[in-house]
Amino acid sequence: MSRFGPVPWGRLRHVSAIVWSAAGSLAAWWWLLLCHGWFWRTDVRLPPLRDPQAWPSVCVVVPARDEAAVLSSSLPSVLAQDYPGRAEVFLVDDGSTDGTGELARELARRHGGLPLTVGSPGEPPAGWTGKLWAVRHGVALARARDPEYLLLTDADIAHAPDSLRRLVAAAGAGGFDVVSQMARLRVESRWERLVVPAFVYFFAQLYPFRRVGRKGTRTAAAAGGCVLLRADAAERARIPDAIRHAVIDDVALARAVKRGGGRVWLGLADRVDSVRPYPRLRDLWRMVSRSAYAQLRHSPALLAGTVAGLALVYLVPPVAAVVGAAAGNAVPAVLGAAAWLVMAGTYVPMLRYYRQPLWLAPLLPFTALLYLLMTVDSAVQHYRGRGAAWKGRTYARPDAVPDEG
């Protein structure tokens, strides 16, 4: 019985389905809150560390393709690193048509700082995806200097002056082969405020940072914009050759190192920032859909499971709350509202990290719906044969790329 009178059998079955879905969603959120590596917390940061007795040598590799628009805001910060040991920068101009290489040389002349070498790898052979061909060329140049560490950082990443010092100190003190920081992405436009914090939140949900850094776990991930990699670990794992097919190269790199017995640390950055703008929804859509289906290993079964899981976890709570309230049925309304409240509560720390208003937290289901649609679109683009793309360069589907051995 509802307060409005007897409930027809068809409607009762419909309400029962909503009740069970809402109960399942609430149970899922309690599990995510308490048992999934505290993924929602934002306190995994580089700790203050003592300087090592001797600073190891470092080579910084910056893959760049058509990056003139952002390079003036990022490269000077890399060149200005206050690092007591030997360090130099290798920027790899990967077929740019906008004067990226010339601008890099001009910035080095104007600002000084660490020595800069600008190289060009030529066109990649079949089987190399994304920026990995440029990374390979940069790593080859760097290895001639026999560095102890490689810092792989994107052309849109601006570093605080002590960034390299802190990364190296953390690697040495913790015995890590990979130390990676998730750069703070830009959140200035309306769509950036809605989508970007959720992007990092969902990434942390997929790869809880505490599990990444824990010994004995299989969870491995890195954030490609800022990855400090021990050079001998890179050689053991055959980086980047072993992951040349990978569209999501940062996660593949961390997995390769961890499979080889290395240790990986991943956390949020305090003073490492991306200067790349994503002012429109379609810019963000392209960023996510480029690799979303690759994240699911191009599996229709995983895609179906992901869509169902996103619907249950993120979409059911507000639907149950609204439908239950409209039908005068307190059970689905309360269950849905409770799940929605837990969901929003787990999102609050990320909004605070990005200095965004907390009223965005209840909008997380809408943002999740956008990500669901982006993921489906990624699969559609894959089956249309368009493959992955990076900076205007499109690659064949992985199953169409010959293995080079």
Protein backbone atom coordinates (compact mmCIF):
# COMPACT_ATOMS: atom_id res chain seq x y z
CA MET A 1 0.00 0.00 0.00
CA SER A 2 1.21 3.47 -0.84
CA ARG A 3 -0.18 6.46 0.97
CA PHE A 4 -2.11 7.17 -2.22
CA GLY A 5 -3.96 3.83 -2.16
CA PRO A 6 -3.52 0.26 -3.44
CA VAL A 7 -0.57 -0.31 -5.78
CA PRO A 8 -1.27 -2.34 -8.97
CA TRP A 9 0.76 -5.55 -9.40
CA GLY A 10 2.70 -4.24 -12.43
CA ARG A 11 3.63 -1.12 -10.56
CA LEU A 12 4.59 -3.17 -7.49
CA ARG A 13 7.00 -5.25 -9.57
CA HIS A 14 8.42 -2.04 -11.01
CA VAL A 15 8.93 -0.55 -7.55
CA SER A 16 10.47 -3.81 -6.30
CA ALA A 17 13.07 -3.66 -9.07
CA ILE A 18 13.90 -0.09 -8.08
CA VAL A 19 14.17 -1.11 -4.42
CA TRP A 20 16.58 -3.95 -5.20
CA SER A 21 18.64 -1.74 -7.51
CA ALA A 22 18.82 1.02 -4.91
CA ALA A 23 19.80 -1.47 -2.21
CA GLY A 24 22.51 -2.89 -4.47
CA SER A 25 23.81 0.58 -5.21
CA LEU A 26 23.91 1.51 -1.52
CA ALA A 27 25.77 -1.72 -0.71
CA ALA A 28 28.23 -0.98 -3.51
CA TRP A 29 28.87 2.50 -2.14
CA TRP A 30 29.51 1.26 1.36
CA TRP A 31 32.01 -1.22 -0.07
CA LEU A 32 33.69 1.49 -2.16
CA LEU A 33 33.80 3.80 0.84
CA LEU A 34 35.37 1.34 3.26
CA CYS A 35 37.02 -1.48 1.30
CA HIS A 36 38.43 -0.08 -1.95
CA GLY A 37 41.78 1.30 -0.89
CA TRP A 38 40.37 4.58 0.45
CA PHE A 39 40.40 5.72 -3.19
CA TRP A 40 38.40 8.85 -2.39
CA ARG A 41 41.00 10.34 -0.07
CA THR A 42 43.38 12.94 -1.49
CA ASP A 43 46.20 12.74 1.05
CA VAL A 44 48.58 10.53 -0.94
CA ARG A 45 51.21 13.21 -1.61
CA LEU A 46 54.98 13.37 -1.69
CA PRO A 47 56.10 13.71 1.93
CA PRO A 48 58.77 16.18 3.09
CA LEU A 49 62.03 14.23 2.80
CA ARG A 50 65.68 14.64 3.69
CA ASP A 51 68.16 15.26 0.92
CA PRO A 52 70.26 12.24 -0.08
CA GLN A 53 73.98 12.28 0.61
CA ALA A 54 74.71 12.36 -3.13
CA TRP A 55 72.25 13.49 -5.79
CA PRO A 56 71.92 11.02 -8.70
CA SER A 57 72.05 12.18 -12.31
CA VAL A 58 68.74 12.73 -14.12
CA CYS A 59 67.72 13.19 -17.74
CA VAL A 60 64.35 14.81 -18.41
CA VAL A 61 62.54 13.59 -21.55
CA VAL A 62 59.77 15.80 -22.97
CA PRO A 63 57.84 14.38 -25.97
CA ALA A 64 56.28 17.24 -27.90
CA ARG A 65 54.11 17.41 -31.02
CA ASP A 66 52.56 20.74 -32.00
CA GLU A 67 52.92 22.16 -28.48
CA ALA A 68 53.85 25.78 -29.27
CA ALA A 69 50.62 27.02 -27.67
CA VAL A 70 51.57 25.70 -24.21
CA LEU A 71 55.36 25.41 -24.28
CA SER A 72 56.03 28.98 -23.10
CA SER A 73 54.04 28.23 -19.93
CA SER A 74 55.70 24.89 -19.17
CA LEU A 75 59.23 24.44 -20.54
CA PRO A 76 60.82 27.37 -18.62
CA SER A 77 59.71 25.70 -15.38
CA VAL A 78 61.47 22.47 -16.40
CA LEU A 79 64.65 24.31 -17.33
CA ALA A 80 64.54 26.22 -14.03
CA GLN A 81 64.67 23.14 -11.81
CA ASP A 82 66.74 23.72 -8.68
CA TYR A 83 68.53 20.38 -8.71
CA PRO A 84 71.92 19.92 -7.00
CA GLY A 85 72.97 16.95 -9.15
CA ARG A 86 73.65 16.63 -12.86
CA ALA A 87 70.49 17.09 -14.92
CA GLU A 88 69.64 17.98 -18.50
CA VAL A 89 66.56 18.14 -20.68
CA PHE A 90 65.81 16.37 -23.97
CA LEU A 91 62.81 17.71 -25.85
CA VAL A 92 61.73 15.47 -28.73
CA ASP A 93 59.97 17.41 -31.49
CA ASP A 94 57.77 14.70 -32.99
CA GLY A 95 56.95 16.05 -36.44
CA SER A 96 55.53 19.38 -35.26
CA THR A 97 54.23 21.84 -37.84
CA ASP A 98 53.85 24.82 -35.48
CA GLY A 99 57.50 25.57 -34.71
CA THR A 100 57.65 23.64 -31.42
CA GLY A 101 61.36 22.81 -31.75
CA GLU A 102 62.39 26.35 -32.67
CA LEU A 103 60.36 27.77 -29.80
CA ALA A 104 62.00 25.35 -27.35
CA ARG A 105 65.46 26.51 -28.41
CA GLU A 106 64.43 30.15 -28.12
CA LEU A 107 63.03 29.58 -24.61
CA ALA A 108 66.29 27.91 -23.56
CA ARG A 109 68.30 30.86 -24.89
CA ARG A 110 66.01 33.35 -23.17
CA HIS A 111 65.60 31.64 -19.78
CA GLY A 112 68.75 29.56 -19.40
CA GLY A 113 68.76 26.88 -16.73
CA LEU A 114 69.34 23.18 -17.37
CA PRO A 115 71.01 22.25 -20.68
CA LEU A 116 68.47 21.56 -23.44
CA THR A 117 68.81 19.25 -26.44
CA VAL A 118 66.06 19.27 -29.08
CA GLY A 119 65.82 16.11 -31.18
CA SER A 120 63.52 14.74 -33.87
CA PRO A 121 62.76 11.03 -34.28
CA GLY A 122 61.25 11.03 -37.77
CA GLU A 123 58.06 9.17 -38.63
CA PRO A 124 57.28 6.16 -36.41
CA PRO A 125 57.29 2.64 -37.86
CA ALA A 126 54.18 0.46 -37.68
CA GLY A 127 53.32 -0.67 -34.18
CA TRP A 128 54.13 2.50 -32.21
CA THR A 129 51.27 4.40 -30.61
CA GLY A 130 50.80 7.82 -29.10
CA LYS A 131 53.89 9.63 -27.86
CA LEU A 132 55.91 6.46 -27.21
CA TRP A 133 57.97 6.79 -30.41
CA ALA A 134 59.07 10.24 -29.25
CA VAL A 135 59.76 8.88 -25.75
CA ARG A 136 61.90 6.11 -27.27
CA HIS A 137 64.02 8.65 -29.13
CA GLY A 138 64.39 10.81 -26.03
CA VAL A 139 65.35 7.85 -23.85
CA ALA A 140 67.96 6.79 -26.43
CA LEU A 141 69.49 10.28 -26.35
CA ALA A 142 69.42 10.30 -22.57
CA ARG A 143 71.07 6.90 -22.18
CA ALA A 144 74.19 8.24 -23.84
CA ARG A 145 74.60 10.32 -20.64
CA ASP A 146 74.16 7.18 -18.46
CA PRO A 147 71.67 8.78 -16.01
CA GLU A 148 70.45 7.04 -12.89
CA TYR A 149 66.92 8.39 -13.38
CA LEU A 150 64.69 9.47 -16.24
CA LEU A 151 61.94 12.02 -15.74
CA LEU A 152 59.23 11.61 -18.37
CA THR A 153 57.08 14.73 -18.42
CA ASP A 154 54.60 16.06 -20.95
CA ALA A 155 55.04 19.34 -22.81
CA ASP A 156 52.03 20.88 -21.04
CA ILE A 157 53.29 20.23 -17.50
CA ALA A 158 54.66 23.09 -15.39
CA HIS A 159 56.86 22.13 -12.42
CA ALA A 160 57.65 24.01 -9.24
CA PRO A 161 61.41 24.70 -8.89
CA ASP A 162 61.85 21.90 -6.32
CA SER A 163 59.79 19.33 -8.22
CA LEU A 164 62.72 17.23 -9.45
CA ARG A 165 64.46 17.35 -6.06
CA ARG A 166 61.36 16.04 -4.29
CA LEU A 167 60.73 13.28 -6.84
CA VAL A 168 64.30 11.99 -6.62
CA ALA A 169 64.35 12.21 -2.81
CA ALA A 170 61.07 10.27 -2.60
CA ALA A 171 62.34 7.57 -4.95
CA GLY A 172 65.54 7.12 -3.01
CA ALA A 173 63.97 7.16 0.45
CA GLY A 174 61.15 4.77 -0.48
CA GLY A 175 63.12 2.46 -2.72
CA PHE A 176 60.74 3.12 -5.61
CA ASP A 177 61.55 2.44 -9.25
CA VAL A 178 58.70 4.68 -10.40
CA VAL A 179 57.49 7.83 -8.66
CA SER A 180 54.61 9.51 -10.47
CA GLN A 181 52.47 12.51 -9.64
CA MET A 182 49.02 13.19 -11.06
CA ALA A 183 49.43 16.78 -12.21
CA ARG A 184 46.73 19.20 -11.15
CA LEU A 185 44.69 19.75 -14.31
CA ARG A 186 43.26 23.11 -15.32
CA VAL A 187 39.76 23.92 -13.99
CA GLU A 188 38.77 27.32 -15.32
CA SER A 189 35.96 26.81 -17.82
CA ARG A 190 32.49 25.62 -16.82
CA TRP A 191 33.02 22.20 -18.39
CA GLU A 192 36.47 21.81 -16.84
CA ARG A 193 34.97 22.41 -13.39
CA LEU A 194 32.31 19.78 -14.01
CA VAL A 195 34.40 17.11 -15.70
CA VAL A 196 38.07 17.41 -14.67
CA PRO A 197 37.85 16.67 -10.91
CA ALA A 198 35.65 13.68 -11.76
CA PHE A 199 38.25 12.47 -14.26
CA VAL A 200 40.87 12.26 -11.49
CA TYR A 201 38.29 10.80 -9.07
CA PHE A 202 37.39 8.01 -11.52
CA PHE A 203 41.08 7.34 -12.21
CA ALA A 204 41.71 6.94 -8.48
CA GLN A 205 38.71 4.63 -8.26
CA LEU A 206 40.19 2.43 -10.99
CA TYR A 207 43.68 2.54 -9.48
CA PRO A 208 43.56 3.36 -5.74
CA PHE A 209 46.80 5.19 -5.07
CA ARG A 210 47.48 3.41 -1.78
CA ARG A 211 47.32 0.02 -3.50
CA VAL A 212 49.63 1.18 -6.28
CA GLY A 213 52.36 1.97 -3.76
CA ARG A 214 51.86 -1.11 -1.59
CA LYS A 215 54.16 -4.12 -1.90
CA GLY A 216 52.55 -7.37 -2.99
CA THR A 217 49.59 -5.83 -4.83
CA ARG A 218 48.91 -6.17 -8.56
CA THR A 219 47.50 -2.65 -8.89
CA ALA A 220 49.87 -0.57 -10.99
CA ALA A 221 49.42 2.85 -12.56
CA ALA A 222 51.22 6.10 -13.25
CA ALA A 223 50.26 9.55 -14.47
CA GLY A 224 52.03 10.14 -17.76
CA GLY A 225 52.58 13.86 -17.25
CA CYS A 226 55.11 13.32 -14.46
CA VAL A 227 56.91 9.97 -14.16
CA LEU A 228 60.32 9.58 -12.53
CA LEU A 229 61.74 6.24 -13.64
CA ARG A 230 64.89 4.51 -12.44
CA ALA A 231 67.01 3.94 -15.53
CA ASP A 232 68.00 0.36 -14.70
CA ALA A 233 64.34 -0.52 -14.05
CA ALA A 234 63.48 0.89 -17.47
CA GLU A 235 66.10 -1.34 -19.07
CA ARG A 236 64.88 -4.44 -17.21
CA ALA A 237 61.29 -3.76 -18.26
CA ARG A 238 62.35 -2.82 -21.84
CA ILE A 239 60.68 0.59 -21.59
CA PRO A 240 59.38 1.91 -23.93
CA ASP A 241 59.78 -0.89 -26.53
CA ALA A 242 57.79 -3.42 -24.49
CA ILE A 243 54.76 -1.11 -24.35
CA ARG A 244 54.95 0.37 -27.86
CA HIS A 245 51.37 -0.77 -28.68
CA ALA A 246 49.90 0.82 -25.54
CA VAL A 247 47.44 3.67 -25.97
CA ILE A 248 47.37 4.23 -22.19
CA ASP A 249 51.14 4.31 -21.95
CA ASP A 250 51.49 5.50 -18.35
CA VAL A 251 49.52 2.59 -16.88
CA ALA A 252 51.30 0.14 -19.20
CA LEU A 253 54.68 1.50 -18.06
CA ALA A 254 53.83 1.02 -14.39
CA ARG A 255 52.55 -2.49 -15.01
CA ALA A 256 55.69 -3.46 -16.91
CA VAL A 257 57.93 -2.20 -14.10
CA LYS A 258 55.85 -3.87 -11.40
CA ARG A 259 55.77 -7.17 -13.28
CA GLY A 260 59.55 -7.04 -13.33
CA GLY A 261 59.67 -6.79 -9.55
CA GLY A 262 59.91 -3.00 -9.31
CA ARG A 263 58.08 -0.76 -6.89
CA VAL A 264 55.71 1.99 -8.01
CA TRP A 265 54.36 5.06 -6.20
CA LEU A 266 51.55 7.29 -7.44
CA GLY A 267 50.01 10.31 -5.77
CA LEU A 268 48.45 13.71 -6.30
CA ALA A 269 50.66 16.68 -7.02
CA ASP A 270 50.81 19.88 -5.01
CA ARG A 271 52.94 22.00 -7.35
CA VAL A 272 52.94 20.17 -10.68
CA ASP A 273 50.26 21.60 -12.97
CA SER A 274 48.92 21.00 -16.45
CA VAL A 275 48.59 24.23 -18.42
CA ARG A 276 46.60 22.66 -21.26
CA PRO A 277 43.09 24.13 -21.59
CA TYR A 278 39.95 22.09 -22.28
CA PRO A 279 37.44 24.94 -22.62
CA ARG A 280 34.66 23.03 -24.42
CA LEU A 281 32.88 19.79 -23.72
CA ARG A 282 34.03 18.35 -27.03
CA ASP A 283 37.67 18.93 -26.02
CA LEU A 284 37.16 16.93 -22.84
CA TRP A 285 35.09 14.36 -24.72
CA ARG A 286 37.95 13.80 -27.16
CA MET A 287 40.45 13.45 -24.31
CA VAL A 288 38.41 10.71 -22.60
CA SER A 289 37.07 8.85 -25.63
CA ARG A 290 40.55 8.62 -27.17
CA SER A 291 41.54 5.90 -24.72
CA ALA A 292 38.41 4.81 -22.81
CA TYR A 293 37.76 1.65 -24.82
CA ALA A 294 41.47 0.79 -24.81
CA GLN A 295 41.21 0.88 -21.00
CA LEU A 296 38.64 -1.91 -21.37
CA ARG A 297 41.06 -3.89 -23.58
CA HIS A 298 38.63 -3.44 -26.51
CA SER A 299 36.36 -6.06 -24.94
CA PRO A 300 32.59 -5.90 -25.62
CA ALA A 301 32.00 -7.89 -22.44
CA LEU A 302 33.97 -5.42 -20.33
CA LEU A 303 32.17 -2.55 -22.06
CA ALA A 304 28.77 -4.04 -21.19
CA GLY A 305 29.88 -4.65 -17.61
CA THR A 306 31.23 -1.11 -17.30
CA VAL A 307 28.01 0.44 -18.61
CA ALA A 308 25.94 -1.71 -16.24
CA GLY A 309 28.25 -0.93 -13.32
CA LEU A 310 28.21 2.83 -13.95
CA ALA A 311 24.43 2.75 -14.23
CA LEU A 312 24.01 0.80 -10.98
CA VAL A 313 26.54 2.77 -8.94
CA TYR A 314 26.03 6.31 -10.25
CA LEU A 315 22.66 6.56 -11.99
CA VAL A 316 20.40 4.36 -9.86
CA PRO A 317 20.70 6.45 -6.65
CA PRO A 318 19.17 9.70 -8.01
CA VAL A 319 16.61 7.78 -10.11
CA ALA A 320 15.51 5.71 -7.11
CA ALA A 321 15.35 8.78 -4.88
CA VAL A 322 13.24 10.75 -7.36
CA VAL A 323 10.99 7.89 -8.49
CA GLY A 324 10.47 6.67 -4.94
CA ALA A 325 9.55 10.15 -3.74
CA ALA A 326 7.21 10.68 -6.69
CA ALA A 327 5.51 7.32 -6.05
CA GLY A 328 5.18 7.97 -2.35
CA ASN A 329 7.33 4.92 -1.59
CA ALA A 330 9.84 5.69 1.15
CA VAL A 331 11.98 2.58 0.73
CA PRO A 332 13.54 3.28 -2.70
CA ALA A 333 13.57 7.00 -1.92
CA VAL A 334 15.57 6.51 1.29
CA LEU A 335 17.89 3.88 -0.19
CA GLY A 336 18.56 6.00 -3.26
CA ALA A 337 19.08 9.17 -1.26
CA ALA A 338 21.47 7.36 1.12
CA ALA A 339 23.55 5.98 -1.77
CA TRP A 340 23.56 9.42 -3.41
CA LEU A 341 24.72 11.00 -0.14
CA VAL A 342 27.61 8.53 0.28
CA MET A 343 28.57 9.06 -3.36
CA ALA A 344 28.60 12.84 -2.98
CA GLY A 345 30.54 12.56 0.27
CA THR A 346 33.33 10.57 -1.38
CA TYR A 347 33.61 13.25 -4.06
CA VAL A 348 34.01 16.15 -1.64
CA PRO A 349 37.78 15.65 -0.98
CA MET A 350 38.52 15.80 -4.72
CA LEU A 351 36.48 18.98 -5.11
CA ARG A 352 38.39 20.51 -2.21
CA TYR A 353 41.70 19.48 -3.78
CA TYR A 354 40.64 21.30 -6.94
CA ARG A 355 39.25 24.24 -4.91
CA GLN A 356 35.79 23.84 -6.43
CA PRO A 357 32.39 24.56 -4.82
CA LEU A 358 30.91 21.63 -2.93
CA TRP A 359 27.52 21.99 -4.63
CA LEU A 360 29.12 20.14 -7.54
CA ALA A 361 29.21 16.94 -5.46
CA PRO A 362 25.50 16.01 -5.99
CA LEU A 363 26.02 16.50 -9.75
CA LEU A 364 28.43 13.55 -9.91
CA PRO A 365 25.73 11.23 -11.41
CA PHE A 366 25.34 13.61 -14.35
CA THR A 367 29.11 13.70 -14.87
CA ALA A 368 29.20 9.90 -14.65
CA LEU A 369 26.54 9.75 -17.36
CA LEU A 370 28.79 11.88 -19.57
CA TYR A 371 31.68 9.48 -18.97
CA LEU A 372 29.43 6.52 -19.77
CA LEU A 373 28.51 8.12 -23.10
CA MET A 374 32.17 8.96 -23.80
CA THR A 375 33.13 5.33 -23.19
CA VAL A 376 30.42 4.05 -25.53
CA ASP A 377 31.52 6.58 -28.15
CA SER A 378 35.11 5.36 -27.76
CA ALA A 379 33.94 1.84 -28.60
CA VAL A 380 31.92 3.10 -31.57
CA GLN A 381 34.97 4.92 -32.95
CA HIS A 382 37.06 1.78 -32.47
CA TYR A 383 34.68 -0.40 -34.48
CA ARG A 384 34.44 2.23 -37.19
CA GLY A 385 38.14 1.56 -37.71
CA ARG A 386 39.36 4.99 -36.68
CA GLY A 387 41.66 3.65 -33.96
CA ALA A 388 43.37 5.78 -31.35
CA ALA A 389 44.76 9.21 -32.15
CA TRP A 390 47.41 11.51 -30.69
CA LYS A 391 48.01 15.05 -31.89
CA GLY A 392 46.37 14.46 -35.26
CA ARG A 393 48.14 11.13 -35.84
CA THR A 394 45.75 8.18 -36.06
CA TYR A 395 46.86 4.62 -35.37
CA ALA A 396 45.48 1.33 -36.55
CA ARG A 397 43.47 -0.89 -34.28
CA PRO A 398 45.80 -2.99 -32.07
CA ASP A 399 44.65 -6.24 -33.67
CA ALA A 400 45.65 -4.83 -37.07
CA VAL A 401 49.20 -3.87 -36.07
CA PRO A 402 51.91 -6.43 -36.82
CA ASP A 403 54.15 -7.42 -33.92
CA GLU A 404 57.77 -6.47 -34.44
CA GLY A 405 59.10 -9.00 -31.96
